[in-house]
Amino acid sequence: MAMGNEHADRPDTETLLRRVHEVVGNARPMPLSASVMVNKDELLELLEEAINRLPEELRQARWLLKERDEYLAKVQREGDDILEAARARAERMVQRTEIVRSAQATARRSVEDAQDEARRLRHEAEDYCDQKLAAFEIVLERTAKTVAAGREKLRATPPPPSSAAADALGALTEEATGDFSEPFFDQDSS
């Protein structure tokens, strides 16, 4: 199983997406805002790695399915060989019917055992794939909800005043509070 050992030291997609969730969840809040500050490059890097890992993990799951199919074919061939051997033996040996029945029963049991084992392996492979896909679905739903909530917060937060507007606001505030350090000049008194 060389595919699993190639990237044993790299985190899987679920771990990467959980890290994204953690980064967003632990982000520092912006002053006087419900928004948070996140490192865009770090999040993009984690998401890119998760996207890159998905095909690899799906390839591994396909590899397991292929291995299962090859095993099923091998077991089917072995079962067919056992049935053929039982037929040939029964035909070569003109013996009592009980011997032939016994050989056929053994062959049938072998084939049934092989089919049971094949079904078990197929169910295990399907369960494995289903568990991985369910985990991916949960993490992706959480990430999507987090992103949607963040975007909603951004839409709800008014933009900060521009610097010209801030200077004008400062001048109005100064005028309203009355800065008496400057002499007052009345235009009518000149």
Protein backbone atom coordinates (compact mmCIF):
# COMPACT_ATOMS: atom_id res chain seq x y z
CA MET A 1 0.00 0.00 0.00
CA ALA A 2 2.48 2.54 -1.27
CA MET A 3 -0.09 5.30 -1.67
CA GLY A 4 -0.69 5.58 2.06
CA ASN A 5 3.01 5.71 2.92
CA GLU A 6 3.88 8.46 0.41
CA HIS A 7 2.12 11.16 2.41
CA ALA A 8 2.05 9.64 5.89
CA ASP A 9 3.63 12.78 7.35
CA ARG A 10 1.07 15.13 5.69
CA PRO A 11 -2.33 15.79 7.31
CA ASP A 12 -5.45 14.47 5.65
CA THR A 13 -8.19 16.70 4.23
CA GLU A 14 -10.35 16.52 7.34
CA THR A 15 -7.43 17.65 9.54
CA LEU A 16 -6.71 20.56 7.19
CA LEU A 17 -10.34 21.68 7.18
CA ARG A 18 -10.51 21.39 10.96
CA ARG A 19 -7.40 23.62 11.10
CA VAL A 20 -9.19 26.20 8.91
CA HIS A 21 -12.15 26.06 11.27
CA GLU A 22 -9.82 26.52 14.24
CA VAL A 23 -8.03 29.49 12.62
CA VAL A 24 -11.36 31.22 11.92
CA GLY A 25 -12.73 30.32 15.36
CA ASN A 26 -9.66 31.63 17.19
CA ALA A 27 -9.22 34.78 15.08
CA ARG A 28 -8.82 38.06 16.93
CA PRO A 29 -11.90 40.27 16.86
CA MET A 30 -11.59 43.67 15.25
CA PRO A 31 -12.07 46.57 17.66
CA LEU A 32 -15.64 47.85 17.84
CA SER A 33 -16.79 45.22 15.34
CA ALA A 34 -18.28 41.75 15.21
CA SER A 35 -15.80 40.85 12.46
CA VAL A 36 -12.55 39.02 13.02
CA MET A 37 -9.11 39.36 11.51
CA VAL A 38 -7.75 36.23 9.86
CA ASN A 39 -4.57 35.57 7.96
CA LYS A 40 -5.87 35.28 4.41
CA ASP A 41 -2.70 33.62 3.10
CA GLU A 42 -2.75 30.97 5.86
CA LEU A 43 -6.42 30.14 5.22
CA LEU A 44 -5.93 30.02 1.46
CA GLU A 45 -2.90 27.77 1.88
CA LEU A 46 -4.82 25.38 4.17
CA LEU A 47 -7.83 25.30 1.84
CA GLU A 48 -5.60 24.75 -1.22
CA GLU A 49 -3.87 21.83 0.51
CA ALA A 50 -7.26 20.34 1.46
CA ILE A 51 -8.46 20.69 -2.13
CA ASN A 52 -5.27 19.04 -3.36
CA ARG A 53 -5.62 16.18 -0.86
CA LEU A 54 -9.24 15.33 -1.74
CA PRO A 55 -8.43 13.67 -5.08
CA GLU A 56 -5.62 11.70 -3.42
CA GLU A 57 -7.90 10.39 -0.67
CA LEU A 58 -10.59 9.55 -3.20
CA ARG A 59 -7.91 7.79 -5.29
CA GLN A 60 -7.01 5.75 -2.22
CA ALA A 61 -10.65 4.82 -1.73
CA ARG A 62 -10.87 3.82 -5.42
CA TRP A 63 -7.73 1.77 -4.96
CA LEU A 64 -9.41 -0.07 -2.08
CA LEU A 65 -12.43 -0.73 -4.27
CA LYS A 66 -10.20 -1.95 -7.11
CA GLU A 67 -8.36 -4.24 -4.71
CA ARG A 68 -11.70 -5.57 -3.51
CA ASP A 69 -12.85 -6.19 -7.09
CA GLU A 70 -9.60 -8.01 -7.88
CA TYR A 71 -10.05 -10.12 -4.78
CA LEU A 72 -13.65 -10.90 -5.77
CA ALA A 73 -12.51 -11.95 -9.26
CA LYS A 74 -9.76 -14.14 -7.80
CA VAL A 75 -12.16 -15.77 -5.37
CA GLN A 76 -14.70 -16.27 -8.16
CA ARG A 77 -12.01 -17.91 -10.32
CA GLU A 78 -11.03 -20.12 -7.41
CA GLY A 79 -14.67 -21.01 -6.86
CA ASP A 80 -15.11 -21.78 -10.55
CA ASP A 81 -11.94 -23.88 -10.48
CA ILE A 82 -13.26 -25.80 -7.47
CA LEU A 83 -16.59 -26.40 -9.21
CA GLU A 84 -14.85 -27.51 -12.40
CA ALA A 85 -12.53 -29.79 -10.45
CA ALA A 86 -15.54 -31.29 -8.67
CA ARG A 87 -17.31 -31.89 -12.00
CA ALA A 88 -14.23 -33.41 -13.60
CA ARG A 89 -13.60 -35.62 -10.63
CA ALA A 90 -17.22 -36.76 -10.55
CA GLU A 91 -17.15 -37.55 -14.25
CA ARG A 92 -13.78 -39.35 -14.09
CA MET A 93 -14.71 -41.38 -11.10
CA VAL A 94 -17.80 -43.33 -11.72
CA GLN A 95 -18.62 -43.70 -8.11
CA ARG A 96 -21.54 -43.41 -5.91
CA THR A 97 -23.78 -40.37 -6.11
CA GLU A 98 -22.93 -39.45 -2.55
CA ILE A 99 -19.31 -38.63 -3.45
CA VAL A 100 -20.43 -36.35 -6.27
CA ARG A 101 -22.98 -34.63 -4.00
CA SER A 102 -20.32 -34.13 -1.37
CA ALA A 103 -17.92 -32.55 -3.87
CA GLN A 104 -20.64 -30.28 -5.22
CA ALA A 105 -21.69 -29.28 -1.72
CA THR A 106 -18.08 -28.49 -0.82
CA ALA A 107 -17.69 -26.44 -3.99
CA ARG A 108 -20.96 -24.62 -3.33
CA ARG A 109 -19.91 -23.93 0.25
CA SER A 110 -16.56 -22.66 -0.97
CA VAL A 111 -18.24 -20.39 -3.49
CA GLU A 112 -20.78 -19.21 -0.90
CA ASP A 113 -17.97 -18.59 1.60
CA ALA A 114 -16.07 -16.66 -1.06
CA GLN A 115 -19.19 -14.65 -1.95
CA ASP A 116 -19.85 -13.97 1.73
CA GLU A 117 -16.26 -12.78 2.14
CA ALA A 118 -16.57 -10.67 -1.01
CA ARG A 119 -19.81 -9.11 0.31
CA ARG A 120 -18.15 -8.42 3.63
CA LEU A 121 -15.18 -6.75 1.92
CA ARG A 122 -17.49 -4.75 -0.35
CA HIS A 123 -19.50 -3.53 2.67
CA GLU A 124 -16.31 -2.60 4.52
CA ALA A 125 -15.02 -0.66 1.52
CA GLU A 126 -18.38 1.07 1.06
CA ASP A 127 -18.59 1.87 4.79
CA TYR A 128 -15.06 3.29 4.70
CA CYS A 129 -15.88 5.47 1.69
CA ASP A 130 -19.18 6.55 3.25
CA GLN A 131 -17.49 7.48 6.54
CA LYS A 132 -14.83 9.53 4.74
CA LEU A 133 -17.38 11.27 2.55
CA ALA A 134 -19.63 11.96 5.57
CA ALA A 135 -16.68 13.47 7.45
CA PHE A 136 -15.80 15.61 4.41
CA GLU A 137 -19.44 16.68 4.11
CA ILE A 138 -19.64 17.74 7.78
CA VAL A 139 -16.39 19.69 7.64
CA LEU A 140 -17.34 21.34 4.36
CA GLU A 141 -20.80 22.28 5.71
CA ARG A 142 -19.23 23.82 8.79
CA THR A 143 -16.72 25.70 6.69
CA ALA A 144 -19.47 26.91 4.37
CA LYS A 145 -21.56 28.08 7.34
CA THR A 146 -18.55 29.88 8.81
CA VAL A 147 -17.81 31.56 5.50
CA ALA A 148 -21.49 32.53 5.04
CA ALA A 149 -21.64 33.96 8.56
CA GLY A 150 -18.45 35.92 7.95
CA ARG A 151 -19.78 37.31 4.69
CA GLU A 152 -23.07 38.23 6.38
CA LYS A 153 -21.18 40.08 9.10
CA LEU A 154 -19.19 41.94 6.46
CA ARG A 155 -22.41 42.97 4.71
CA ALA A 156 -23.98 44.14 8.00
CA THR A 157 -20.95 46.20 9.19
CA PRO A 158 -20.95 49.84 7.91
CA PRO A 159 -17.68 50.91 6.27
CA PRO A 160 -15.36 53.07 8.38
CA PRO A 161 -15.50 56.83 7.60
CA SER A 162 -12.96 58.11 5.09
CA SER A 163 -10.11 60.30 6.32
CA ALA A 164 -11.69 63.46 4.81
CA ALA A 165 -14.95 62.65 6.54
CA ALA A 166 -13.05 62.01 9.78
CA ASP A 167 -11.27 65.41 9.50
CA ALA A 168 -14.59 67.16 8.86
CA LEU A 169 -16.14 65.32 11.80
CA GLY A 170 -13.19 66.38 13.97
CA ALA A 171 -13.59 70.01 12.90
CA LEU A 172 -17.32 69.93 13.64
CA THR A 173 -16.66 68.35 17.01
CA GLU A 174 -14.04 71.00 17.81
CA GLU A 175 -16.36 73.76 16.74
CA ALA A 176 -19.26 72.34 18.75
CA THR A 177 -17.20 71.90 21.92
CA GLY A 178 -15.68 75.32 21.48
CA ASP A 179 -11.93 75.54 21.20
CA PHE A 180 -11.30 78.86 22.94
CA SER A 181 -7.54 78.91 22.43
CA GLU A 182 -8.01 80.94 19.21
CA PRO A 183 -9.53 84.43 19.34
CA PHE A 184 -13.07 84.68 18.05
CA PHE A 185 -13.52 86.89 14.99
CA ASP A 186 -16.91 88.12 14.02
CA GLN A 187 -17.23 89.14 10.40
CA ASP A 188 -19.76 91.85 11.28
CA SER A 189 -17.38 93.66 13.62
CA SER A 190 -14.75 94.56 11.04
